[in-house]
Amino acid sequence: LPSIGREYNYNEIAIMTRAAPARLLGLKDRGHLGEGGLADIAVY
């Protein structure tokens, strides 16, 4: 661990916690902010 310099960015966080889980579970209506998507939205 001490030798690892990688830092996740916001895009990678959004993939890992939004886009990828939705795709894995077959939930096409969420995990994204595209037109027609479910209005499940988090603002930080």
PDB file of all heavy atoms in Angstrom:
ATOM      1  N   LEU A   1       0.794  -1.227   0.000  1.00  0.00           N
ATOM      2  CA  LEU A   1       0.000   0.000   0.000  1.00  0.00           C
ATOM      3  C   LEU A   1       0.830   1.284   0.000  1.00  0.00           C
ATOM      4  O   LEU A   1       0.493   2.228  -0.730  1.00  0.00           O
ATOM      5  CB  LEU A   1      -0.966  -0.013   1.202  1.00  0.00           C
ATOM      6  CG  LEU A   1      -1.990   1.119   1.239  1.00  0.00           C
ATOM      7  CD1 LEU A   1      -2.860   1.124  -0.010  1.00  0.00           C
ATOM      8  CD2 LEU A   1      -2.864   1.008   2.490  1.00  0.00           C
ATOM      9  N   PRO A   2       1.928   1.396   0.774  1.00  0.00           N
ATOM     10  CA  PRO A   2       2.666   2.671   0.776  1.00  0.00           C
ATOM     11  C   PRO A   2       3.215   3.067  -0.598  1.00  0.00           C
ATOM     12  O   PRO A   2       3.440   4.251  -0.856  1.00  0.00           O
ATOM     13  CB  PRO A   2       3.809   2.399   1.763  1.00  0.00           C
ATOM     14  CG  PRO A   2       3.322   1.313   2.645  1.00  0.00           C
ATOM     15  CD  PRO A   2       2.491   0.441   1.758  1.00  0.00           C
ATOM     16  N   SER A   3       3.420   2.092  -1.462  1.00  0.00           N
ATOM     17  CA  SER A   3       4.020   2.395  -2.772  1.00  0.00           C
ATOM     18  C   SER A   3       2.993   2.793  -3.824  1.00  0.00           C
ATOM     19  O   SER A   3       3.367   3.171  -4.942  1.00  0.00           O
ATOM     20  CB  SER A   3       4.787   1.174  -3.276  1.00  0.00           C
ATOM     21  OG  SER A   3       3.900   0.095  -3.562  1.00  0.00           O
ATOM     22  N   ILE A   4       1.709   2.736  -3.502  1.00  0.00           N
ATOM     23  CA  ILE A   4       0.667   2.971  -4.504  1.00  0.00           C
ATOM     24  C   ILE A   4       0.276   4.449  -4.498  1.00  0.00           C
ATOM     25  O   ILE A   4      -0.178   4.978  -3.478  1.00  0.00           O
ATOM     26  CB  ILE A   4      -0.565   2.096  -4.239  1.00  0.00           C
ATOM     27  CG1 ILE A   4      -0.169   0.619  -4.213  1.00  0.00           C
ATOM     28  CG2 ILE A   4      -1.632   2.333  -5.311  1.00  0.00           C
ATOM     29  CD1 ILE A   4      -1.299  -0.310  -3.794  1.00  0.00           C
ATOM     30  N   GLY A   5       0.431   5.094  -5.635  1.00  0.00           N
ATOM     31  CA  GLY A   5       0.127   6.519  -5.720  1.00  0.00           C
ATOM     32  C   GLY A   5      -1.234   6.844  -6.289  1.00  0.00           C
ATOM     33  O   GLY A   5      -1.652   8.002  -6.280  1.00  0.00           O
ATOM     34  N   ARG A   6      -1.948   5.874  -6.777  1.00  0.00           N
ATOM     35  CA  ARG A   6      -3.221   6.132  -7.453  1.00  0.00           C
ATOM     36  C   ARG A   6      -4.217   6.826  -6.537  1.00  0.00           C
ATOM     37  O   ARG A   6      -4.314   6.514  -5.348  1.00  0.00           O
ATOM     38  CB  ARG A   6      -3.825   4.819  -7.952  1.00  0.00           C
ATOM     39  CG  ARG A   6      -5.149   4.991  -8.707  1.00  0.00           C
ATOM     40  CD  ARG A   6      -5.721   3.654  -9.143  1.00  0.00           C
ATOM     41  NE  ARG A   6      -7.017   3.793  -9.781  1.00  0.00           N
ATOM     42  CZ  ARG A   6      -7.782   2.770 -10.153  1.00  0.00           C
ATOM     43  NH1 ARG A   6      -7.354   1.522  -9.955  1.00  0.00           N
ATOM     44  NH2 ARG A   6      -8.952   2.974 -10.728  1.00  0.00           N
ATOM     45  N   GLU A   7      -4.961   7.762  -7.107  1.00  0.00           N
ATOM     46  CA  GLU A   7      -6.060   8.430  -6.423  1.00  0.00           C
ATOM     47  C   GLU A   7      -7.277   8.396  -7.348  1.00  0.00           C
ATOM     48  O   GLU A   7      -7.193   8.808  -8.509  1.00  0.00           O
ATOM     49  CB  GLU A   7      -5.703   9.880  -6.077  1.00  0.00           C
ATOM     50  CG  GLU A   7      -4.558  10.017  -5.091  1.00  0.00           C
ATOM     51  CD  GLU A   7      -4.193  11.465  -4.815  1.00  0.00           C
ATOM     52  OE1 GLU A   7      -4.328  12.298  -5.747  1.00  0.00           O
ATOM     53  OE2 GLU A   7      -3.774  11.775  -3.688  1.00  0.00           O
ATOM     54  N   TYR A   8      -8.389   7.901  -6.848  1.00  0.00           N
ATOM     55  CA  TYR A   8      -9.620   7.894  -7.643  1.00  0.00           C
ATOM     56  C   TYR A   8     -10.071   9.329  -7.915  1.00  0.00           C
ATOM     57  O   TYR A   8      -9.969  10.203  -7.041  1.00  0.00           O
ATOM     58  CB  TYR A   8     -10.727   7.158  -6.902  1.00  0.00           C
ATOM     59  CG  TYR A   8     -10.786   5.667  -7.147  1.00  0.00           C
ATOM     60  CD1 TYR A   8      -9.799   4.820  -6.659  1.00  0.00           C
ATOM     61  CD2 TYR A   8     -11.839   5.102  -7.853  1.00  0.00           C
ATOM     62  CE1 TYR A   8      -9.857   3.445  -6.875  1.00  0.00           C
ATOM     63  CE2 TYR A   8     -11.912   3.736  -8.075  1.00  0.00           C
ATOM     64  CZ  TYR A   8     -10.921   2.913  -7.586  1.00  0.00           C
ATOM     65  OH  TYR A   8     -10.972   1.559  -7.810  1.00  0.00           O
ATOM     66  N   ASN A   9     -10.600   9.561  -9.101  1.00  0.00           N
ATOM     67  CA  ASN A   9     -11.213  10.849  -9.415  1.00  0.00           C
ATOM     68  C   ASN A   9     -12.737  10.713  -9.385  1.00  0.00           C
ATOM     69  O   ASN A   9     -13.277   9.617  -9.200  1.00  0.00           O
ATOM     70  CB  ASN A   9     -10.716  11.384 -10.760  1.00  0.00           C
ATOM     71  CG  ASN A   9     -10.992  10.422 -11.916  1.00  0.00           C
ATOM     72  OD1 ASN A   9     -12.049   9.777 -11.966  1.00  0.00           O
ATOM     73  ND2 ASN A   9     -10.046  10.330 -12.856  1.00  0.00           N
ATOM     74  N   TYR A  10     -13.441  11.831  -9.569  1.00  0.00           N
ATOM     75  CA  TYR A  10     -14.900  11.794  -9.484  1.00  0.00           C
ATOM     76  C   TYR A  10     -15.506  10.883 -10.541  1.00  0.00           C
ATOM     77  O   TYR A  10     -16.510  10.201 -10.291  1.00  0.00           O
ATOM     78  CB  TYR A  10     -15.474  13.205  -9.630  1.00  0.00           C
ATOM     79  CG  TYR A  10     -15.214  14.102  -8.447  1.00  0.00           C
ATOM     80  CD1 TYR A  10     -14.633  15.361  -8.612  1.00  0.00           C
ATOM     81  CD2 TYR A  10     -15.556  13.707  -7.146  1.00  0.00           C
ATOM     82  CE1 TYR A  10     -14.393  16.193  -7.533  1.00  0.00           C
ATOM     83  CE2 TYR A  10     -15.318  14.526  -6.060  1.00  0.00           C
ATOM     84  CZ  TYR A  10     -14.736  15.778  -6.263  1.00  0.00           C
ATOM     85  OH  TYR A  10     -14.501  16.596  -5.189  1.00  0.00           O
ATOM     86  N   ASN A  11     -14.920  10.848 -11.725  1.00  0.00           N
ATOM     87  CA  ASN A  11     -15.454  10.009 -12.779  1.00  0.00           C
ATOM     88  C   ASN A  11     -15.353   8.538 -12.396  1.00  0.00           C
ATOM     89  O   ASN A  11     -16.295   7.758 -12.590  1.00  0.00           O
ATOM     90  CB  ASN A  11     -14.699  10.267 -14.086  1.00  0.00           C
ATOM     91  CG  ASN A  11     -15.372   9.625 -15.270  1.00  0.00           C
ATOM     92  OD1 ASN A  11     -16.465  10.018 -15.689  1.00  0.00           O
ATOM     93  ND2 ASN A  11     -14.734   8.622 -15.845  1.00  0.00           N
ATOM     94  N   GLU A  12     -14.227   8.131 -11.807  1.00  0.00           N
ATOM     95  CA  GLU A  12     -14.063   6.740 -11.381  1.00  0.00           C
ATOM     96  C   GLU A  12     -14.989   6.391 -10.221  1.00  0.00           C
ATOM     97  O   GLU A  12     -15.524   5.277 -10.152  1.00  0.00           O
ATOM     98  CB  GLU A  12     -12.604   6.486 -10.993  1.00  0.00           C
ATOM     99  CG  GLU A  12     -11.660   6.509 -12.187  1.00  0.00           C
ATOM    100  CD  GLU A  12     -10.204   6.444 -11.783  1.00  0.00           C
ATOM    101  OE1 GLU A  12      -9.814   7.146 -10.815  1.00  0.00           O
ATOM    102  OE2 GLU A  12      -9.444   5.693 -12.431  1.00  0.00           O
ATOM    103  N   ILE A  13     -15.204   7.342  -9.317  1.00  0.00           N
ATOM    104  CA  ILE A  13     -16.165   7.118  -8.233  1.00  0.00           C
ATOM    105  C   ILE A  13     -17.561   6.911  -8.799  1.00  0.00           C
ATOM    106  O   ILE A  13     -18.304   6.018  -8.374  1.00  0.00           O
ATOM    107  CB  ILE A  13     -16.150   8.307  -7.247  1.00  0.00           C
ATOM    108  CG1 ILE A  13     -14.822   8.376  -6.490  1.00  0.00           C
ATOM    109  CG2 ILE A  13     -17.329   8.205  -6.268  1.00  0.00           C
ATOM    110  CD1 ILE A  13     -14.550   7.223  -5.559  1.00  0.00           C
ATOM    111  N   ALA A  14     -17.940   7.724  -9.787  1.00  0.00           N
ATOM    112  CA  ALA A  14     -19.265   7.592 -10.391  1.00  0.00           C
ATOM    113  C   ALA A  14     -19.415   6.269 -11.124  1.00  0.00           C
ATOM    114  O   ALA A  14     -20.499   5.662 -11.118  1.00  0.00           O
ATOM    115  CB  ALA A  14     -19.519   8.764 -11.343  1.00  0.00           C
ATOM    116  N   ILE A  15     -18.353   5.784 -11.759  1.00  0.00           N
ATOM    117  CA  ILE A  15     -18.414   4.463 -12.396  1.00  0.00           C
ATOM    118  C   ILE A  15     -18.627   3.387 -11.346  1.00  0.00           C
ATOM    119  O   ILE A  15     -19.551   2.563 -11.438  1.00  0.00           O
ATOM    120  CB  ILE A  15     -17.120   4.186 -13.191  1.00  0.00           C
ATOM    121  CG1 ILE A  15     -17.017   5.095 -14.419  1.00  0.00           C
ATOM    122  CG2 ILE A  15     -17.078   2.717 -13.633  1.00  0.00           C
ATOM    123  CD1 ILE A  15     -15.676   5.018 -15.122  1.00  0.00           C
ATOM    124  N   MET A  16     -17.782   3.376 -10.330  1.00  0.00           N
ATOM    125  CA  MET A  16     -17.757   2.294  -9.352  1.00  0.00           C
ATOM    126  C   MET A  16     -19.025   2.234  -8.509  1.00  0.00           C
ATOM    127  O   MET A  16     -19.453   1.139  -8.098  1.00  0.00           O
ATOM    128  CB  MET A  16     -16.531   2.456  -8.448  1.00  0.00           C
ATOM    129  CG  MET A  16     -16.365   1.370  -7.414  1.00  0.00           C
ATOM    130  SD  MET A  16     -14.791   1.488  -6.533  1.00  0.00           S
ATOM    131  CE  MET A  16     -14.922   3.125  -5.824  1.00  0.00           C
ATOM    132  N   THR A  17     -19.647   3.370  -8.243  1.00  0.00           N
ATOM    133  CA  THR A  17     -20.788   3.413  -7.334  1.00  0.00           C
ATOM    134  C   THR A  17     -22.113   3.705  -8.023  1.00  0.00           C
ATOM    135  O   THR A  17     -23.157   3.678  -7.360  1.00  0.00           O
ATOM    136  CB  THR A  17     -20.569   4.478  -6.244  1.00  0.00           C
ATOM    137  OG1 THR A  17     -20.414   5.769  -6.866  1.00  0.00           O
ATOM    138  CG2 THR A  17     -19.336   4.175  -5.412  1.00  0.00           C
ATOM    139  N   ARG A  18     -22.095   3.971  -9.304  1.00  0.00           N
ATOM    140  CA  ARG A  18     -23.327   4.274 -10.027  1.00  0.00           C
ATOM    141  C   ARG A  18     -23.453   3.452 -11.312  1.00  0.00           C
ATOM    142  O   ARG A  18     -24.251   2.537 -11.409  1.00  0.00           O
ATOM    143  CB  ARG A  18     -23.389   5.773 -10.386  1.00  0.00           C
ATOM    144  CG  ARG A  18     -23.920   6.662  -9.301  1.00  0.00           C
ATOM    145  CD  ARG A  18     -22.885   7.180  -8.365  1.00  0.00           C
ATOM    146  NE  ARG A  18     -23.474   8.172  -7.477  1.00  0.00           N
ATOM    147  CZ  ARG A  18     -22.911   8.576  -6.348  1.00  0.00           C
ATOM    148  NH1 ARG A  18     -21.737   8.097  -5.967  1.00  0.00           N
ATOM    149  NH2 ARG A  18     -23.526   9.474  -5.582  1.00  0.00           N
ATOM    150  N   ALA A  19     -22.612   3.804 -12.297  1.00  0.00           N
ATOM    151  CA  ALA A  19     -22.753   3.234 -13.632  1.00  0.00           C
ATOM    152  C   ALA A  19     -22.514   1.735 -13.648  1.00  0.00           C
ATOM    153  O   ALA A  19     -23.294   0.969 -14.231  1.00  0.00           O
ATOM    154  CB  ALA A  19     -21.792   3.947 -14.593  1.00  0.00           C
ATOM    155  N   ALA A  20     -21.429   1.283 -13.033  1.00  0.00           N
ATOM    156  CA  ALA A  20     -21.091  -0.143 -13.063  1.00  0.00           C
ATOM    157  C   ALA A  20     -22.104  -1.000 -12.297  1.00  0.00           C
ATOM    158  O   ALA A  20     -22.523  -2.047 -12.801  1.00  0.00           O
ATOM    159  CB  ALA A  20     -19.675  -0.360 -12.538  1.00  0.00           C
ATOM    160  N   PRO A  21     -22.516  -0.623 -11.081  1.00  0.00           N
ATOM    161  CA  PRO A  21     -23.529  -1.442 -10.401  1.00  0.00           C
ATOM    162  C   PRO A  21     -24.840  -1.550 -11.176  1.00  0.00           C
ATOM    163  O   PRO A  21     -25.454  -2.614 -11.216  1.00  0.00           O
ATOM    164  CB  PRO A  21     -23.733  -0.721  -9.066  1.00  0.00           C
ATOM    165  CG  PRO A  21     -22.482   0.045  -8.841  1.00  0.00           C
ATOM    166  CD  PRO A  21     -22.008   0.446 -10.203  1.00  0.00           C
ATOM    167  N   ALA A  22     -25.261  -0.444 -11.796  1.00  0.00           N
ATOM    168  CA  ALA A  22     -26.494  -0.494 -12.577  1.00  0.00           C
ATOM    169  C   ALA A  22     -26.364  -1.477 -13.729  1.00  0.00           C
ATOM    170  O   ALA A  22     -27.273  -2.272 -14.008  1.00  0.00           O
ATOM    171  CB  ALA A  22     -26.833   0.901 -13.093  1.00  0.00           C
ATOM    172  N   ARG A  23     -25.221  -1.443 -14.418  1.00  0.00           N
ATOM    173  CA  ARG A  23     -25.004  -2.364 -15.525  1.00  0.00           C
ATOM    174  C   ARG A  23     -24.935  -3.805 -15.033  1.00  0.00           C
ATOM    175  O   ARG A  23     -25.511  -4.714 -15.637  1.00  0.00           O
ATOM    176  CB  ARG A  23     -23.719  -1.994 -16.269  1.00  0.00           C
ATOM    177  CG  ARG A  23     -23.493  -2.837 -17.519  1.00  0.00           C
ATOM    178  CD  ARG A  23     -22.351  -2.301 -18.353  1.00  0.00           C
ATOM    179  NE  ARG A  23     -21.049  -2.599 -17.766  1.00  0.00           N
ATOM    180  CZ  ARG A  23     -19.883  -2.307 -18.358  1.00  0.00           C
ATOM    181  NH1 ARG A  23     -19.869  -1.684 -19.530  1.00  0.00           N
ATOM    182  NH2 ARG A  23     -18.737  -2.609 -17.769  1.00  0.00           N
ATOM    183  N   LEU A  24     -24.253  -4.049 -13.922  1.00  0.00           N
ATOM    184  CA  LEU A  24     -24.114  -5.401 -13.382  1.00  0.00           C
ATOM    185  C   LEU A  24     -25.467  -6.000 -13.036  1.00  0.00           C
ATOM    186  O   LEU A  24     -25.707  -7.194 -13.256  1.00  0.00           O
ATOM    187  CB  LEU A  24     -23.222  -5.374 -12.141  1.00  0.00           C
ATOM    188  CG  LEU A  24     -22.895  -6.725 -11.504  1.00  0.00           C
ATOM    189  CD1 LEU A  24     -21.857  -7.468 -12.333  1.00  0.00           C
ATOM    190  CD2 LEU A  24     -22.402  -6.543 -10.064  1.00  0.00           C
ATOM    191  N   LEU A  25     -26.368  -5.193 -12.484  1.00  0.00           N
ATOM    192  CA  LEU A  25     -27.662  -5.667 -12.007  1.00  0.00           C
ATOM    193  C   LEU A  25     -28.753  -5.619 -13.076  1.00  0.00           C
ATOM    194  O   LEU A  25     -29.883  -6.041 -12.825  1.00  0.00           O
ATOM    195  CB  LEU A  25     -28.103  -4.847 -10.794  1.00  0.00           C
ATOM    196  CG  LEU A  25     -27.206  -4.953  -9.552  1.00  0.00           C
ATOM    197  CD1 LEU A  25     -27.538  -3.861  -8.551  1.00  0.00           C
ATOM    198  CD2 LEU A  25     -27.319  -6.324  -8.906  1.00  0.00           C
ATOM    199  N   GLY A  26     -28.425  -5.077 -14.242  1.00  0.00           N
ATOM    200  CA  GLY A  26     -29.418  -4.967 -15.304  1.00  0.00           C
ATOM    201  C   GLY A  26     -30.400  -3.833 -15.107  1.00  0.00           C
ATOM    202  O   GLY A  26     -31.498  -3.839 -15.673  1.00  0.00           O
ATOM    203  N   LEU A  27     -30.017  -2.813 -14.336  1.00  0.00           N
ATOM    204  CA  LEU A  27     -30.903  -1.683 -14.023  1.00  0.00           C
ATOM    205  C   LEU A  27     -30.653  -0.552 -15.017  1.00  0.00           C
ATOM    206  O   LEU A  27     -29.938   0.409 -14.733  1.00  0.00           O
ATOM    207  CB  LEU A  27     -30.673  -1.214 -12.587  1.00  0.00           C
ATOM    208  CG  LEU A  27     -30.812  -2.294 -11.507  1.00  0.00           C
ATOM    209  CD1 LEU A  27     -30.471  -1.736 -10.140  1.00  0.00           C
ATOM    210  CD2 LEU A  27     -32.219  -2.891 -11.519  1.00  0.00           C
ATOM    211  N   LYS A  28     -31.263  -0.654 -16.187  1.00  0.00           N
ATOM    212  CA  LYS A  28     -30.990   0.297 -17.257  1.00  0.00           C
ATOM    213  C   LYS A  28     -31.572   1.683 -16.995  1.00  0.00           C
ATOM    214  O   LYS A  28     -31.191   2.648 -17.655  1.00  0.00           O
ATOM    215  CB  LYS A  28     -31.528  -0.257 -18.582  1.00  0.00           C
ATOM    216  CG  LYS A  28     -30.843  -1.551 -19.007  1.00  0.00           C
ATOM    217  CD  LYS A  28     -31.409  -2.086 -20.316  1.00  0.00           C
ATOM    218  CE  LYS A  28     -30.705  -3.367 -20.721  1.00  0.00           C
ATOM    219  NZ  LYS A  28     -31.252  -3.929 -21.999  1.00  0.00           N
ATOM    220  N   ASP A  29     -32.478   1.777 -16.029  1.00  0.00           N
ATOM    221  CA  ASP A  29     -33.137   3.063 -15.775  1.00  0.00           C
ATOM    222  C   ASP A  29     -32.370   3.941 -14.796  1.00  0.00           C
ATOM    223  O   ASP A  29     -32.795   5.061 -14.508  1.00  0.00           O
ATOM    224  CB  ASP A  29     -34.557   2.837 -15.255  1.00  0.00           C
ATOM    225  CG  ASP A  29     -34.603   2.084 -13.921  1.00  0.00           C
ATOM    226  OD1 ASP A  29     -33.548   1.566 -13.488  1.00  0.00           O
ATOM    227  OD2 ASP A  29     -35.706   1.994 -13.320  1.00  0.00           O
ATOM    228  N   ARG A  30     -31.237   3.488 -14.287  1.00  0.00           N
ATOM    229  CA  ARG A  30     -30.518   4.263 -13.268  1.00  0.00           C
ATOM    230  C   ARG A  30     -29.014   4.104 -13.437  1.00  0.00           C
ATOM    231  O   ARG A  30     -28.544   3.391 -14.316  1.00  0.00           O
ATOM    232  CB  ARG A  30     -30.966   3.847 -11.870  1.00  0.00           C
ATOM    233  CG  ARG A  30     -30.622   2.413 -11.505  1.00  0.00           C
ATOM    234  CD  ARG A  30     -31.401   1.960 -10.289  1.00  0.00           C
ATOM    235  NE  ARG A  30     -32.805   1.740 -10.626  1.00  0.00           N
ATOM    236  CZ  ARG A  30     -33.786   1.635  -9.749  1.00  0.00           C
ATOM    237  NH1 ARG A  30     -33.534   1.736  -8.450  1.00  0.00           N
ATOM    238  NH2 ARG A  30     -35.035   1.421 -10.134  1.00  0.00           N
ATOM    239  N   GLY A  31     -28.256   4.827 -12.590  1.00  0.00           N
ATOM    240  CA  GLY A  31     -26.806   4.792 -12.700  1.00  0.00           C
ATOM    241  C   GLY A  31     -26.249   5.786 -13.700  1.00  0.00           C
ATOM    242  O   GLY A  31     -25.047   5.833 -13.920  1.00  0.00           O
ATOM    243  N   HIS A  32     -27.124   6.592 -14.316  1.00  0.00           N
ATOM    244  CA  HIS A  32     -26.693   7.587 -15.306  1.00  0.00           C
ATOM    245  C   HIS A  32     -27.625   8.793 -15.243  1.00  0.00           C
ATOM    246  O   HIS A  32     -28.669   8.769 -14.573  1.00  0.00           O
ATOM    247  CB  HIS A  32     -26.702   6.978 -16.711  1.00  0.00           C
ATOM    248  CG  HIS A  32     -28.076   6.584 -17.202  1.00  0.00           C
ATOM    249  ND1 HIS A  32     -28.898   7.462 -17.867  1.00  0.00           N
ATOM    250  CD2 HIS A  32     -28.766   5.410 -17.106  1.00  0.00           C
ATOM    251  CE1 HIS A  32     -30.040   6.858 -18.170  1.00  0.00           C
ATOM    252  NE2 HIS A  32     -29.975   5.612 -17.704  1.00  0.00           N
ATOM    253  N   LEU A  33     -27.255   9.841 -15.942  1.00  0.00           N
ATOM    254  CA  LEU A  33     -28.031  11.086 -15.959  1.00  0.00           C
ATOM    255  C   LEU A  33     -28.523  11.408 -17.361  1.00  0.00           C
ATOM    256  O   LEU A  33     -28.749  12.563 -17.709  1.00  0.00           O
ATOM    257  CB  LEU A  33     -27.188  12.245 -15.413  1.00  0.00           C
ATOM    258  CG  LEU A  33     -26.718  12.099 -13.957  1.00  0.00           C
ATOM    259  CD1 LEU A  33     -25.774  13.231 -13.573  1.00  0.00           C
ATOM    260  CD2 LEU A  33     -27.915  12.045 -12.998  1.00  0.00           C
ATOM    261  N   GLY A  34     -28.711  10.376 -18.163  1.00  0.00           N
ATOM    262  CA  GLY A  34     -29.169  10.570 -19.529  1.00  0.00           C
ATOM    263  C   GLY A  34     -30.669  10.757 -19.621  1.00  0.00           C
ATOM    264  O   GLY A  34     -31.428  10.422 -18.703  1.00  0.00           O
ATOM    265  N   GLU A  35     -31.099  11.275 -20.762  1.00  0.00           N
ATOM    266  CA  GLU A  35     -32.512  11.507 -21.015  1.00  0.00           C
ATOM    267  C   GLU A  35     -33.292  10.208 -20.876  1.00  0.00           C
ATOM    268  O   GLU A  35     -32.908   9.175 -21.400  1.00  0.00           O
ATOM    269  CB  GLU A  35     -32.683  12.079 -22.423  1.00  0.00           C
ATOM    270  CG  GLU A  35     -34.109  12.419 -22.791  1.00  0.00           C
ATOM    271  CD  GLU A  35     -34.226  13.000 -24.195  1.00  0.00           C
ATOM    272  OE1 GLU A  35     -33.169  13.367 -24.766  1.00  0.00           O
ATOM    273  OE2 GLU A  35     -35.345  13.059 -24.709  1.00  0.00           O
ATOM    274  N   GLY A  36     -34.385  10.244 -20.134  1.00  0.00           N
ATOM    275  CA  GLY A  36     -35.204   9.075 -19.890  1.00  0.00           C
ATOM    276  C   GLY A  36     -34.817   8.289 -18.656  1.00  0.00           C
ATOM    277  O   GLY A  36     -35.552   7.386 -18.237  1.00  0.00           O
ATOM    278  N   GLY A  37     -33.669   8.595 -18.075  1.00  0.00           N
ATOM    279  CA  GLY A  37     -33.231   7.899 -16.874  1.00  0.00           C
ATOM    280  C   GLY A  37     -34.063   8.274 -15.661  1.00  0.00           C
ATOM    281  O   GLY A  37     -34.676   9.349 -15.598  1.00  0.00           O
ATOM    282  N   LEU A  38     -34.090   7.385 -14.692  1.00  0.00           N
ATOM    283  CA  LEU A  38     -34.779   7.647 -13.437  1.00  0.00           C
ATOM    284  C   LEU A  38     -34.120   8.838 -12.749  1.00  0.00           C
ATOM    285  O   LEU A  38     -32.894   8.936 -12.702  1.00  0.00           O
ATOM    286  CB  LEU A  38     -34.697   6.407 -12.554  1.00  0.00           C
ATOM    287  CG  LEU A  38     -35.654   6.283 -11.380  1.00  0.00           C
ATOM    288  CD1 LEU A  38     -37.097   6.224 -11.857  1.00  0.00           C
ATOM    289  CD2 LEU A  38     -35.318   5.028 -10.572  1.00  0.00           C
ATOM    290  N   ALA A  39     -34.928   9.721 -12.217  1.00  0.00           N
ATOM    291  CA  ALA A  39     -34.393  10.925 -11.578  1.00  0.00           C
ATOM    292  C   ALA A  39     -33.941  10.617 -10.155  1.00  0.00           C
ATOM    293  O   ALA A  39     -34.451  11.162  -9.171  1.00  0.00           O
ATOM    294  CB  ALA A  39     -35.413  12.052 -11.607  1.00  0.00           C
ATOM    295  N   ASP A  40     -32.971   9.698 -10.053  1.00  0.00           N
ATOM    296  CA  ASP A  40     -32.242   9.435  -8.810  1.00  0.00           C
ATOM    297  C   ASP A  40     -30.929  10.202  -8.931  1.00  0.00           C
ATOM    298  O   ASP A  40     -30.044   9.823  -9.708  1.00  0.00           O
ATOM    299  CB  ASP A  40     -31.958   7.949  -8.651  1.00  0.00           C
ATOM    300  CG  ASP A  40     -33.187   7.133  -8.282  1.00  0.00           C
ATOM    301  OD1 ASP A  40     -34.280   7.711  -8.206  1.00  0.00           O
ATOM    302  OD2 ASP A  40     -33.046   5.906  -8.080  1.00  0.00           O
ATOM    303  N   ILE A  41     -30.789  11.277  -8.169  1.00  0.00           N
ATOM    304  CA  ILE A  41     -29.695  12.227  -8.378  1.00  0.00           C
ATOM    305  C   ILE A  41     -29.127  12.643  -7.030  1.00  0.00           C
ATOM    306  O   ILE A  41     -29.868  12.902  -6.079  1.00  0.00           O
ATOM    307  CB  ILE A  41     -30.188  13.480  -9.137  1.00  0.00           C
ATOM    308  CG1 ILE A  41     -30.774  13.070 -10.509  1.00  0.00           C
ATOM    309  CG2 ILE A  41     -29.076  14.502  -9.324  1.00  0.00           C
ATOM    310  CD1 ILE A  41     -31.592  14.163 -11.165  1.00  0.00           C
ATOM    311  N   ALA A  42     -27.790  12.684  -6.953  1.00  0.00           N
ATOM    312  CA  ALA A  42     -27.100  13.160  -5.749  1.00  0.00           C
ATOM    313  C   ALA A  42     -26.223  14.341  -6.119  1.00  0.00           C
ATOM    314  O   ALA A  42     -25.483  14.293  -7.112  1.00  0.00           O
ATOM    315  CB  ALA A  42     -26.258  12.047  -5.141  1.00  0.00           C
ATOM    316  N   VAL A  43     -26.310  15.397  -5.321  1.00  0.00           N
ATOM    317  CA  VAL A  43     -25.510  16.608  -5.520  1.00  0.00           C
ATOM    318  C   VAL A  43     -24.636  16.798  -4.290  1.00  0.00           C
ATOM    319  O   VAL A  43     -25.127  16.771  -3.153  1.00  0.00           O
ATOM    320  CB  VAL A  43     -26.414  17.840  -5.734  1.00  0.00           C
ATOM    321  CG1 VAL A  43     -25.571  19.092  -5.950  1.00  0.00           C
ATOM    322  CG2 VAL A  43     -27.370  17.621  -6.904  1.00  0.00           C
ATOM    323  N   TYR A  44     -23.314  16.967  -4.523  1.00  0.00           N
ATOM    324  CA  TYR A  44     -22.361  17.074  -3.423  1.00  0.00           C
ATOM    325  C   TYR A  44     -21.638  18.421  -3.464  1.00  0.00           C
ATOM    326  O   TYR A  44     -21.445  19.010  -4.532  1.00  0.00           O
ATOM    327  CB  TYR A  44     -21.316  15.962  -3.507  1.00  0.00           C
ATOM    328  CG  TYR A  44     -21.877  14.567  -3.374  1.00  0.00           C
ATOM    329  CD1 TYR A  44     -22.083  13.769  -4.500  1.00  0.00           C
ATOM    330  CD2 TYR A  44     -22.202  14.046  -2.123  1.00  0.00           C
ATOM    331  CE1 TYR A  44     -22.588  12.483  -4.386  1.00  0.00           C
ATOM    332  CE2 TYR A  44     -22.707  12.759  -2.005  1.00  0.00           C
ATOM    333  CZ  TYR A  44     -22.901  11.978  -3.138  1.00  0.00           C
ATOM    334  OH  TYR A  44     -23.404  10.712  -3.022  1.00  0.00           O
TER     335      TYR A  44
END
